[in-house]
Structure formats: C-alpha cells, structure tokens
Amino acid sequence: MNRQLTLLVFITSIASIAAWFPSRLNAAPTNEARVTRVKNHVQIGDSKNAARGASVNDIVREETLLRTGTESRAELTFSDETVVRLAAHTAFDFDRGTHCLNLKDGAVLVQAPREARGATIHAGDVAAAVAGTTVMIEYHPGVYKFLVLEGTGRLYRPGHVGDSVLVAPGQMVFGNPEAAVSDPVDVDIARFMQTSGFIKDFPPLRSEKSIVAETRKQQHEKSNKTLRDTNLVIFGGGTQVSAISQEQTDMAVRTSTDLLAPRRVSSANRNTAPALP
C-alpha cells in the first residue's frame, strides 16, 4: 500500500512538472528570431560582423540589424510565434526579445499572438504595447503612423506620464513623435488588406480570422450609417492627406499596393480623418 501511494505521489509530481515546464518556457523572453521570408535585397549584420545577405532560416539575435532595400520584404518569427514583417527601406533590430522591438526607420507589421506575453515596439520617441494584436507602425524622423487591425494596442511616449492612447481595431494614430499623442482616426481595414504589401506579399497571418471579423464589423457600421466613406487617403509613406474623387480612388485600388482609405464617423458632429500605407 505504501509503495502504491509513493508511486502515485511520484507520478503526480512528474505530471505537475511537465505542466509547469512548458509554461515556464513560454513565459521566458525570446532572445532570437528566425528569418521566415525574404524578398529581393535583405541584409543582416551587427557591430561585430559585416552585413551580408539574409536567407530563410537565418537566426537573428539581439542587436542584429535587419535592413531591406528597394522593393524588398522580410519576415521574422520569434519562438513565441510573434511575427514581424518588414516593408521596403526598413531598418529593424530588437533586444530583450519581443519586449523591445526597435523600428529605426521604415515600416513593420507585428502580429503578437494571444498566447505570447506581448511585445513593445519603439519608433523614435513613441512606443506601442501590443498583445493578442495585429498592428502596423511606420516611422521616419519627424513622422509616425500606428494602425491596429485587430485587438487593442496602446501608443505612448515613454517618459511622458499620461501621454498615451488606446487604439482599437480600424483606428490609427499619426503625427510627430516629438509632439503629444493625438486621438485616433478611423481607417478602412478592408482597403488595407486588399492593397498592402504586408498582406499581398506574404502568406495569411494567424490572426486573419480576427481581422476579417473586424472588417465585417466595419461593414455593419457602414450599413447602419454610423461609419461612412470619405475621399481622404494617404498614399505611401508620410502623413500627407489627399482628397480625391471616387474614380481616382477606384483607380488607385487597382494600381497601388499602399493605399488605405480613411473613414468618417457620423455621430455627435464628430469628424475623423486620414489613413495610411
């Protein structure tokens, strides 16, 4: 009887350790990522090694710079399944795993799964905290854009207490990273998904079902007249807002990979504006 009791306690202990150990592995910060997609000219290098061409399955470690050239793309996947996609003309590195993703210039799409511990993206003087979220962030000296496709992200300026904003699906914040964070504006998720190179040049995201669900919510709001199309768009990089005709909009959709049409919410005299790539 004592031997049976001892064996039962032993088995229970092993089961507890088995359940605990993977969770501890998942909780540990990831300090390296694997290159999962490369298109055209993508370089990888650090302070100790000269830059070289990146290849699929290359391991990227902390403080290793990944840089894309003209008409180029790259994708990194961390061990917690966080995905980072790089647009053309982008420079990106990370330290402390996904807890400190550094966008030095260009644009990235980040998909942080719900099972992961989240990620923090730094872009100049602004940062975004994401978890269970798919977002796009663009940064160049003097300008940034932050768009949420699904989930909720928090955009803030480190060191400025209270200077932050929650950004819901289908919303974007843009402006000067040295200025106070502005209120979000509404954007067209479906248009982004149809035209963005982050989507067209890569396989489907794990979060695609959630993004589709948010797209349907926007379509429902449009049917209810609580969300309406505008003729305001942002083409490519930067924050220059353009007003165009419907005919021009339709033509742009057929020819451009980085058009995102904005929306205007029709309620209580509240007008929202612009969009992005």
C-alpha atoms as a PDB file:
ATOM      1  CA  MET A   1       0.000   0.000   0.000  1.00  0.00           C
ATOM      2  CA  ASN A   2       2.816   2.373   0.904  1.00  0.00           C
ATOM      3  CA  ARG A   3       4.582   1.528  -2.361  1.00  0.00           C
ATOM      4  CA  GLN A   4       1.432   2.290  -4.338  1.00  0.00           C
ATOM      5  CA  LEU A   5       0.977   5.590  -2.510  1.00  0.00           C
ATOM      6  CA  THR A   6       4.607   6.518  -3.137  1.00  0.00           C
ATOM      7  CA  LEU A   7       4.246   5.690  -6.845  1.00  0.00           C
ATOM      8  CA  LEU A   8       1.060   7.781  -7.088  1.00  0.00           C
ATOM      9  CA  VAL A   9       2.787  10.770  -5.488  1.00  0.00           C
ATOM     10  CA  PHE A  10       5.730  10.357  -7.871  1.00  0.00           C
ATOM     11  CA  ILE A  11       3.505  10.244 -10.971  1.00  0.00           C
ATOM     12  CA  THR A  12       1.539  13.272  -9.775  1.00  0.00           C
ATOM     13  CA  SER A  13       4.786  15.202  -9.233  1.00  0.00           C
ATOM     14  CA  ILE A  14       6.063  14.362 -12.709  1.00  0.00           C
ATOM     15  CA  ALA A  15       2.763  15.470 -14.258  1.00  0.00           C
ATOM     16  CA  SER A  16       2.917  18.751 -12.349  1.00  0.00           C
ATOM     17  CA  ILE A  17       6.474  19.404 -13.533  1.00  0.00           C
ATOM     18  CA  ALA A  18       5.516  18.557 -17.120  1.00  0.00           C
ATOM     19  CA  ALA A  19       2.666  21.052 -16.994  1.00  0.00           C
ATOM     20  CA  TRP A  20       4.827  23.694 -15.308  1.00  0.00           C
ATOM     21  CA  PHE A  21       7.911  23.373 -17.508  1.00  0.00           C
ATOM     22  CA  PRO A  22       6.384  24.295 -20.891  1.00  0.00           C
ATOM     23  CA  SER A  23       4.621  27.247 -19.336  1.00  0.00           C
ATOM     24  CA  ARG A  24       7.913  28.478 -17.967  1.00  0.00           C
ATOM     25  CA  LEU A  25       9.466  28.083 -21.418  1.00  0.00           C
ATOM     26  CA  ASN A  26       6.650  30.107 -22.963  1.00  0.00           C
ATOM     27  CA  ALA A  27       7.000  32.739 -20.263  1.00  0.00           C
ATOM     28  CA  ALA A  28      10.735  33.149 -20.877  1.00  0.00           C
ATOM     29  CA  PRO A  29      11.643  36.139 -23.071  1.00  0.00           C
ATOM     30  CA  THR A  30      12.685  35.199 -26.591  1.00  0.00           C
ATOM     31  CA  ASN A  31      16.176  36.431 -27.436  1.00  0.00           C
ATOM     32  CA  GLU A  32      16.345  35.347 -31.051  1.00  0.00           C
ATOM     33  CA  ALA A  33      14.149  35.078 -34.126  1.00  0.00           C
ATOM     34  CA  ARG A  34      14.210  33.112 -37.355  1.00  0.00           C
ATOM     35  CA  VAL A  35      14.010  34.621 -40.831  1.00  0.00           C
ATOM     36  CA  THR A  36      10.901  33.083 -42.408  1.00  0.00           C
ATOM     37  CA  ARG A  37      10.558  35.189 -45.568  1.00  0.00           C
ATOM     38  CA  VAL A  38      12.981  37.107 -47.792  1.00  0.00           C
ATOM     39  CA  LYS A  39      12.138  39.041 -50.942  1.00  0.00           C
ATOM     40  CA  ASN A  40      14.833  40.741 -53.022  1.00  0.00           C
ATOM     41  CA  HIS A  41      17.520  42.656 -51.130  1.00  0.00           C
ATOM     42  CA  VAL A  42      17.611  42.000 -47.370  1.00  0.00           C
ATOM     43  CA  GLN A  43      20.778  42.392 -45.314  1.00  0.00           C
ATOM     44  CA  ILE A  44      21.661  41.232 -41.832  1.00  0.00           C
ATOM     45  CA  GLY A  45      24.590  42.368 -39.691  1.00  0.00           C
ATOM     46  CA  ASP A  46      25.774  43.597 -36.294  1.00  0.00           C
ATOM     47  CA  SER A  47      28.576  45.620 -34.746  1.00  0.00           C
ATOM     48  CA  LYS A  48      30.958  42.637 -34.890  1.00  0.00           C
ATOM     49  CA  ASN A  49      30.161  41.321 -38.360  1.00  0.00           C
ATOM     50  CA  ALA A  50      29.861  42.957 -41.759  1.00  0.00           C
ATOM     51  CA  ALA A  51      26.400  42.988 -43.302  1.00  0.00           C
ATOM     52  CA  ARG A  52      25.519  40.043 -45.536  1.00  0.00           C
ATOM     53  CA  GLY A  53      22.534  38.862 -47.497  1.00  0.00           C
ATOM     54  CA  ALA A  54      19.817  37.320 -45.338  1.00  0.00           C
ATOM     55  CA  SER A  55      18.341  33.912 -46.143  1.00  0.00           C
ATOM     56  CA  VAL A  56      15.308  31.976 -44.957  1.00  0.00           C
ATOM     57  CA  ASN A  57      16.049  30.113 -41.679  1.00  0.00           C
ATOM     58  CA  ASP A  58      18.838  32.504 -40.668  1.00  0.00           C
ATOM     59  CA  ILE A  59      18.836  33.082 -36.911  1.00  0.00           C
ATOM     60  CA  VAL A  60      18.666  36.730 -35.876  1.00  0.00           C
ATOM     61  CA  ARG A  61      19.894  37.524 -32.401  1.00  0.00           C
ATOM     62  CA  GLU A  62      19.586  40.587 -30.215  1.00  0.00           C
ATOM     63  CA  GLU A  63      21.035  43.856 -31.542  1.00  0.00           C
ATOM     64  CA  THR A  64      21.417  42.378 -35.027  1.00  0.00           C
ATOM     65  CA  LEU A  65      20.205  44.848 -37.635  1.00  0.00           C
ATOM     66  CA  LEU A  66      17.946  43.672 -40.426  1.00  0.00           C
ATOM     67  CA  ARG A  67      17.689  46.083 -43.367  1.00  0.00           C
ATOM     68  CA  THR A  68      15.556  45.855 -46.503  1.00  0.00           C
ATOM     69  CA  GLY A  69      16.261  47.517 -49.850  1.00  0.00           C
ATOM     70  CA  THR A  70      14.096  48.809 -52.679  1.00  0.00           C
ATOM     71  CA  GLU A  71      11.022  46.660 -53.430  1.00  0.00           C
ATOM     72  CA  SER A  72      12.160  44.238 -50.723  1.00  0.00           C
ATOM     73  CA  ARG A  73      10.408  42.479 -47.856  1.00  0.00           C
ATOM     74  CA  ALA A  74      11.377  40.298 -44.907  1.00  0.00           C
ATOM     75  CA  GLU A  75       9.660  38.396 -42.124  1.00  0.00           C
ATOM     76  CA  LEU A  76      10.910  37.301 -38.706  1.00  0.00           C
ATOM     77  CA  THR A  77       9.217  34.767 -36.450  1.00  0.00           C
ATOM     78  CA  PHE A  78      10.031  34.520 -32.732  1.00  0.00           C
ATOM     79  CA  SER A  79       9.767  31.328 -30.689  1.00  0.00           C
ATOM     80  CA  ASP A  80       6.518  32.575 -29.099  1.00  0.00           C
ATOM     81  CA  GLU A  81       5.060  32.903 -32.651  1.00  0.00           C
ATOM     82  CA  THR A  82       5.264  36.701 -32.681  1.00  0.00           C
ATOM     83  CA  VAL A  83       5.679  37.728 -36.332  1.00  0.00           C
ATOM     84  CA  VAL A  84       7.395  40.884 -37.588  1.00  0.00           C
ATOM     85  CA  ARG A  85       7.146  41.798 -41.281  1.00  0.00           C
ATOM     86  CA  LEU A  86       9.412  44.475 -42.740  1.00  0.00           C
ATOM     87  CA  ALA A  87       8.484  46.751 -45.654  1.00  0.00           C
ATOM     88  CA  ALA A  88      10.996  48.094 -48.179  1.00  0.00           C
ATOM     89  CA  HIS A  89      13.595  50.601 -46.937  1.00  0.00           C
ATOM     90  CA  THR A  90      13.249  49.466 -43.330  1.00  0.00           C
ATOM     91  CA  ALA A  91      15.879  49.084 -40.603  1.00  0.00           C
ATOM     92  CA  PHE A  92      14.922  46.975 -37.583  1.00  0.00           C
ATOM     93  CA  ASP A  93      16.519  45.249 -34.603  1.00  0.00           C
ATOM     94  CA  PHE A  94      15.498  44.072 -31.134  1.00  0.00           C
ATOM     95  CA  ASP A  95      16.789  43.448 -27.622  1.00  0.00           C
ATOM     96  CA  ARG A  96      15.201  41.703 -24.640  1.00  0.00           C
ATOM     97  CA  GLY A  97      13.371  39.625 -27.212  1.00  0.00           C
ATOM     98  CA  THR A  98       9.934  40.874 -28.178  1.00  0.00           C
ATOM     99  CA  HIS A  99       9.911  43.187 -25.162  1.00  0.00           C
ATOM    100  CA  CYS A 100      11.924  45.743 -27.131  1.00  0.00           C
ATOM    101  CA  LEU A 101      11.404  45.764 -30.893  1.00  0.00           C
ATOM    102  CA  ASN A 102      13.189  48.741 -32.425  1.00  0.00           C
ATOM    103  CA  LEU A 103      11.958  50.277 -35.671  1.00  0.00           C
ATOM    104  CA  LYS A 104      14.780  52.586 -36.641  1.00  0.00           C
ATOM    105  CA  ASP A 105      13.281  53.618 -39.980  1.00  0.00           C
ATOM    106  CA  GLY A 106      10.608  52.315 -42.349  1.00  0.00           C
ATOM    107  CA  ALA A 107       7.506  50.258 -41.563  1.00  0.00           C
ATOM    108  CA  VAL A 108       6.701  46.938 -39.906  1.00  0.00           C
ATOM    109  CA  LEU A 109       3.639  44.814 -39.309  1.00  0.00           C
ATOM    110  CA  VAL A 110       3.627  42.990 -35.966  1.00  0.00           C
ATOM    111  CA  GLN A 111       1.331  40.121 -35.072  1.00  0.00           C
ATOM    112  CA  ALA A 112       1.591  39.270 -31.358  1.00  0.00           C
ATOM    113  CA  PRO A 113      -0.500  36.145 -30.599  1.00  0.00           C
ATOM    114  CA  ARG A 114      -2.677  35.915 -27.508  1.00  0.00           C
ATOM    115  CA  GLU A 115      -0.548  33.066 -26.161  1.00  0.00           C
ATOM    116  CA  ALA A 116       2.582  35.261 -26.112  1.00  0.00           C
ATOM    117  CA  ARG A 117       3.462  37.771 -23.407  1.00  0.00           C
ATOM    118  CA  GLY A 118       3.123  40.688 -25.785  1.00  0.00           C
ATOM    119  CA  ALA A 119       5.594  42.997 -27.459  1.00  0.00           C
ATOM    120  CA  THR A 120       6.724  46.609 -27.229  1.00  0.00           C
ATOM    121  CA  ILE A 121       7.643  48.437 -30.426  1.00  0.00           C
ATOM    122  CA  HIS A 122       9.833  51.527 -30.183  1.00  0.00           C
ATOM    123  CA  ALA A 123       9.837  54.061 -33.033  1.00  0.00           C
ATOM    124  CA  GLY A 124      11.702  57.259 -32.301  1.00  0.00           C
ATOM    125  CA  ASP A 125      10.089  58.958 -29.307  1.00  0.00           C
ATOM    126  CA  VAL A 126       6.918  56.859 -29.365  1.00  0.00           C
ATOM    127  CA  ALA A 127       6.276  53.253 -28.389  1.00  0.00           C
ATOM    128  CA  ALA A 128       3.418  50.801 -28.780  1.00  0.00           C
ATOM    129  CA  ALA A 129       2.482  47.986 -26.408  1.00  0.00           C
ATOM    130  CA  VAL A 130       0.703  45.095 -28.123  1.00  0.00           C
ATOM    131  CA  ALA A 131      -0.579  41.689 -27.007  1.00  0.00           C
ATOM    132  CA  GLY A 132      -3.062  39.498 -28.869  1.00  0.00           C
ATOM    133  CA  THR A 133      -2.941  42.195 -31.524  1.00  0.00           C
ATOM    134  CA  THR A 134      -2.005  42.785 -35.165  1.00  0.00           C
ATOM    135  CA  VAL A 135      -0.674  46.267 -35.876  1.00  0.00           C
ATOM    136  CA  MET A 136       1.290  48.259 -38.406  1.00  0.00           C
ATOM    137  CA  ILE A 137       3.684  51.006 -37.432  1.00  0.00           C
ATOM    138  CA  GLU A 138       5.658  53.303 -39.710  1.00  0.00           C
ATOM    139  CA  TYR A 139       8.395  55.682 -38.605  1.00  0.00           C
ATOM    140  CA  HIS A 140      10.673  58.219 -40.243  1.00  0.00           C
ATOM    141  CA  PRO A 141      12.391  61.132 -38.500  1.00  0.00           C
ATOM    142  CA  GLY A 142       9.626  63.594 -37.667  1.00  0.00           C
ATOM    143  CA  VAL A 143       6.649  61.364 -38.506  1.00  0.00           C
ATOM    144  CA  TYR A 144       4.982  58.123 -37.424  1.00  0.00           C
ATOM    145  CA  LYS A 145       1.779  56.152 -38.065  1.00  0.00           C
ATOM    146  CA  PHE A 146       0.282  53.419 -35.913  1.00  0.00           C
ATOM    147  CA  LEU A 147      -2.616  51.297 -37.157  1.00  0.00           C
ATOM    148  CA  VAL A 148      -4.466  48.470 -35.375  1.00  0.00           C
ATOM    149  CA  LEU A 149      -6.046  45.709 -37.488  1.00  0.00           C
ATOM    150  CA  GLU A 150      -7.345  43.512 -34.654  1.00  0.00           C
ATOM    151  CA  GLY A 151      -7.050  43.528 -30.887  1.00  0.00           C
ATOM    152  CA  THR A 152      -6.182  46.711 -28.998  1.00  0.00           C
ATOM    153  CA  GLY A 153      -2.836  48.496 -28.814  1.00  0.00           C
ATOM    154  CA  ARG A 154      -1.578  51.267 -26.575  1.00  0.00           C
ATOM    155  CA  LEU A 155       0.502  54.044 -28.114  1.00  0.00           C
ATOM    156  CA  TYR A 156       2.502  56.240 -25.740  1.00  0.00           C
ATOM    157  CA  ARG A 157       5.555  58.421 -25.349  1.00  0.00           C
ATOM    158  CA  PRO A 158       7.991  56.923 -22.842  1.00  0.00           C
ATOM    159  CA  GLY A 159       8.889  59.369 -20.110  1.00  0.00           C
ATOM    160  CA  HIS A 160       5.719  61.447 -20.603  1.00  0.00           C
ATOM    161  CA  VAL A 161       3.241  60.370 -17.941  1.00  0.00           C
ATOM    162  CA  GLY A 162      -0.335  60.252 -19.202  1.00  0.00           C
ATOM    163  CA  ASP A 163       0.653  60.851 -22.834  1.00  0.00           C
ATOM    164  CA  SER A 164      -0.875  57.664 -24.214  1.00  0.00           C
ATOM    165  CA  VAL A 165      -3.950  56.431 -26.038  1.00  0.00           C
ATOM    166  CA  LEU A 166      -5.681  53.093 -26.567  1.00  0.00           C
ATOM    167  CA  VAL A 167      -6.124  52.299 -30.254  1.00  0.00           C
ATOM    168  CA  ALA A 168      -8.969  49.979 -31.255  1.00  0.00           C
ATOM    169  CA  PRO A 169      -9.308  47.867 -34.430  1.00  0.00           C
ATOM    170  CA  GLY A 170      -9.738  50.032 -37.501  1.00  0.00           C
ATOM    171  CA  GLN A 171      -8.130  53.053 -35.859  1.00  0.00           C
ATOM    172  CA  MET A 172      -4.867  54.861 -36.484  1.00  0.00           C
ATOM    173  CA  VAL A 173      -2.787  57.496 -34.741  1.00  0.00           C
ATOM    174  CA  PHE A 174      -0.258  59.550 -36.671  1.00  0.00           C
ATOM    175  CA  GLY A 175       1.811  62.665 -36.182  1.00  0.00           C
ATOM    176  CA  ASN A 176       5.167  63.948 -34.969  1.00  0.00           C
ATOM    177  CA  PRO A 177       6.822  61.614 -32.430  1.00  0.00           C
ATOM    178  CA  GLU A 178       8.077  64.629 -30.502  1.00  0.00           C
ATOM    179  CA  ALA A 179       4.559  66.023 -30.046  1.00  0.00           C
ATOM    180  CA  ALA A 180       1.755  64.846 -27.771  1.00  0.00           C
ATOM    181  CA  VAL A 181      -0.073  61.727 -28.930  1.00  0.00           C
ATOM    182  CA  SER A 182      -3.230  62.649 -30.871  1.00  0.00           C
ATOM    183  CA  ASP A 183      -6.654  60.996 -30.832  1.00  0.00           C
ATOM    184  CA  PRO A 184      -7.175  58.009 -33.165  1.00  0.00           C
ATOM    185  CA  VAL A 185      -8.913  58.348 -36.535  1.00  0.00           C
ATOM    186  CA  ASP A 186     -10.904  55.650 -38.328  1.00  0.00           C
ATOM    187  CA  VAL A 187      -9.423  53.748 -41.255  1.00  0.00           C
ATOM    188  CA  ASP A 188     -10.665  51.121 -43.709  1.00  0.00           C
ATOM    189  CA  ILE A 189      -9.340  47.691 -42.685  1.00  0.00           C
ATOM    190  CA  ALA A 190     -10.649  46.003 -45.842  1.00  0.00           C
ATOM    191  CA  ARG A 191      -8.822  48.501 -48.080  1.00  0.00           C
ATOM    192  CA  PHE A 192      -5.603  47.930 -46.176  1.00  0.00           C
ATOM    193  CA  MET A 193      -5.928  44.156 -46.538  1.00  0.00           C
ATOM    194  CA  GLN A 194      -6.586  44.483 -50.283  1.00  0.00           C
ATOM    195  CA  THR A 195      -3.714  46.808 -51.082  1.00  0.00           C
ATOM    196  CA  SER A 196      -0.905  46.476 -48.527  1.00  0.00           C
ATOM    197  CA  GLY A 197       2.306  44.683 -49.407  1.00  0.00           C
ATOM    198  CA  PHE A 198       2.356  43.364 -45.840  1.00  0.00           C
ATOM    199  CA  ILE A 199      -0.595  41.205 -46.845  1.00  0.00           C
ATOM    200  CA  LYS A 200      -0.205  40.695 -50.603  1.00  0.00           C
ATOM    201  CA  ASP A 201       3.458  39.648 -50.478  1.00  0.00           C
ATOM    202  CA  PHE A 202       3.139  37.149 -47.609  1.00  0.00           C
ATOM    203  CA  PRO A 203       1.100  34.074 -46.660  1.00  0.00           C
ATOM    204  CA  PRO A 204      -2.006  34.581 -44.470  1.00  0.00           C
ATOM    205  CA  LEU A 205      -1.491  35.740 -40.894  1.00  0.00           C
ATOM    206  CA  ARG A 206      -2.586  33.541 -37.995  1.00  0.00           C
ATOM    207  CA  SER A 207      -4.820  36.421 -36.951  1.00  0.00           C
ATOM    208  CA  GLU A 208      -6.553  36.680 -40.331  1.00  0.00           C
ATOM    209  CA  LYS A 209      -9.898  35.404 -38.991  1.00  0.00           C
ATOM    210  CA  SER A 210      -9.896  38.098 -36.318  1.00  0.00           C
ATOM    211  CA  ILE A 211      -9.055  40.752 -38.911  1.00  0.00           C
ATOM    212  CA  VAL A 212     -11.883  39.539 -41.160  1.00  0.00           C
ATOM    213  CA  ALA A 213     -14.253  39.748 -38.182  1.00  0.00           C
ATOM    214  CA  GLU A 214     -13.236  43.379 -37.590  1.00  0.00           C
ATOM    215  CA  THR A 215     -13.726  44.106 -41.288  1.00  0.00           C
ATOM    216  CA  ARG A 216     -17.279  42.762 -41.063  1.00  0.00           C
ATOM    217  CA  LYS A 217     -17.953  44.968 -38.048  1.00  0.00           C
ATOM    218  CA  GLN A 218     -16.936  47.994 -40.090  1.00  0.00           C
ATOM    219  CA  GLN A 219     -19.199  46.898 -42.945  1.00  0.00           C
ATOM    220  CA  HIS A 220     -22.081  46.527 -40.479  1.00  0.00           C
ATOM    221  CA  GLU A 221     -21.436  50.031 -39.122  1.00  0.00           C
ATOM    222  CA  LYS A 222     -21.406  51.307 -42.691  1.00  0.00           C
ATOM    223  CA  SER A 223     -24.780  49.650 -43.352  1.00  0.00           C
ATOM    224  CA  ASN A 224     -26.135  51.337 -40.228  1.00  0.00           C
ATOM    225  CA  LYS A 225     -24.757  54.702 -41.390  1.00  0.00           C
ATOM    226  CA  THR A 226     -22.621  55.048 -38.259  1.00  0.00           C
ATOM    227  CA  LEU A 227     -19.487  54.750 -40.395  1.00  0.00           C
ATOM    228  CA  ARG A 228     -19.168  56.400 -43.796  1.00  0.00           C
ATOM    229  CA  ASP A 229     -16.614  56.546 -46.575  1.00  0.00           C
ATOM    230  CA  THR A 230     -14.667  59.723 -47.119  1.00  0.00           C
ATOM    231  CA  ASN A 231     -12.482  60.772 -50.050  1.00  0.00           C
ATOM    232  CA  LEU A 232      -9.415  61.256 -47.824  1.00  0.00           C
ATOM    233  CA  VAL A 233      -6.425  58.986 -48.315  1.00  0.00           C
ATOM    234  CA  ILE A 234      -2.726  58.758 -47.574  1.00  0.00           C
ATOM    235  CA  PHE A 235      -0.611  57.303 -50.373  1.00  0.00           C
ATOM    236  CA  GLY A 236       2.594  55.535 -49.370  1.00  0.00           C
ATOM    237  CA  GLY A 237       4.839  56.827 -46.598  1.00  0.00           C
ATOM    238  CA  GLY A 238       4.425  60.011 -44.614  1.00  0.00           C
ATOM    239  CA  THR A 239       1.240  61.682 -43.411  1.00  0.00           C
ATOM    240  CA  GLN A 240       0.217  63.771 -46.411  1.00  0.00           C
ATOM    241  CA  VAL A 241      -3.562  63.564 -46.658  1.00  0.00           C
ATOM    242  CA  SER A 242      -5.075  63.767 -50.134  1.00  0.00           C
ATOM    243  CA  ALA A 243      -8.686  64.380 -51.158  1.00  0.00           C
ATOM    244  CA  ILE A 244      -9.585  62.505 -54.338  1.00  0.00           C
ATOM    245  CA  SER A 245     -12.665  61.628 -56.381  1.00  0.00           C
ATOM    246  CA  GLN A 246     -14.327  58.210 -56.272  1.00  0.00           C
ATOM    247  CA  GLU A 247     -12.990  57.491 -59.762  1.00  0.00           C
ATOM    248  CA  GLN A 248      -9.461  58.248 -58.606  1.00  0.00           C
ATOM    249  CA  THR A 249      -9.968  56.050 -55.543  1.00  0.00           C
ATOM    250  CA  ASP A 250     -11.098  53.096 -57.672  1.00  0.00           C
ATOM    251  CA  MET A 251      -8.117  53.531 -59.990  1.00  0.00           C
ATOM    252  CA  ALA A 252      -5.698  53.700 -57.040  1.00  0.00           C
ATOM    253  CA  VAL A 253      -7.053  50.456 -55.623  1.00  0.00           C
ATOM    254  CA  ARG A 254      -6.270  48.694 -58.897  1.00  0.00           C
ATOM    255  CA  THR A 255      -2.746  50.080 -59.221  1.00  0.00           C
ATOM    256  CA  SER A 256      -1.363  50.823 -55.740  1.00  0.00           C
ATOM    257  CA  THR A 257      -0.183  48.443 -53.028  1.00  0.00           C
ATOM    258  CA  ASP A 258      -0.134  51.059 -50.307  1.00  0.00           C
ATOM    259  CA  LEU A 259      -3.447  52.909 -50.358  1.00  0.00           C
ATOM    260  CA  LEU A 260      -5.595  52.983 -47.275  1.00  0.00           C
ATOM    261  CA  ALA A 261      -8.841  54.927 -47.414  1.00  0.00           C
ATOM    262  CA  PRO A 262      -9.949  56.583 -44.157  1.00  0.00           C
ATOM    263  CA  ARG A 263     -13.407  56.743 -42.677  1.00  0.00           C
ATOM    264  CA  ARG A 264     -15.578  59.361 -41.059  1.00  0.00           C
ATOM    265  CA  VAL A 265     -17.778  58.528 -38.098  1.00  0.00           C
ATOM    266  CA  SER A 266     -21.145  60.225 -38.334  1.00  0.00           C
ATOM    267  CA  SER A 267     -22.179  60.905 -34.746  1.00  0.00           C
ATOM    268  CA  ALA A 268     -22.490  63.928 -32.468  1.00  0.00           C
ATOM    269  CA  ASN A 269     -20.746  66.180 -35.027  1.00  0.00           C
ATOM    270  CA  ARG A 270     -17.562  64.166 -34.618  1.00  0.00           C
ATOM    271  CA  ASN A 271     -15.415  64.044 -37.736  1.00  0.00           C
ATOM    272  CA  THR A 272     -12.422  61.844 -38.110  1.00  0.00           C
ATOM    273  CA  ALA A 273      -9.884  61.919 -40.875  1.00  0.00           C
ATOM    274  CA  PRO A 274      -6.989  60.179 -42.606  1.00  0.00           C
ATOM    275  CA  ALA A 275      -5.296  56.942 -43.388  1.00  0.00           C
ATOM    276  CA  LEU A 276      -2.095  55.213 -44.389  1.00  0.00           C
ATOM    277  CA  PRO A 277       0.033  52.596 -46.260  1.00  0.00           C
END
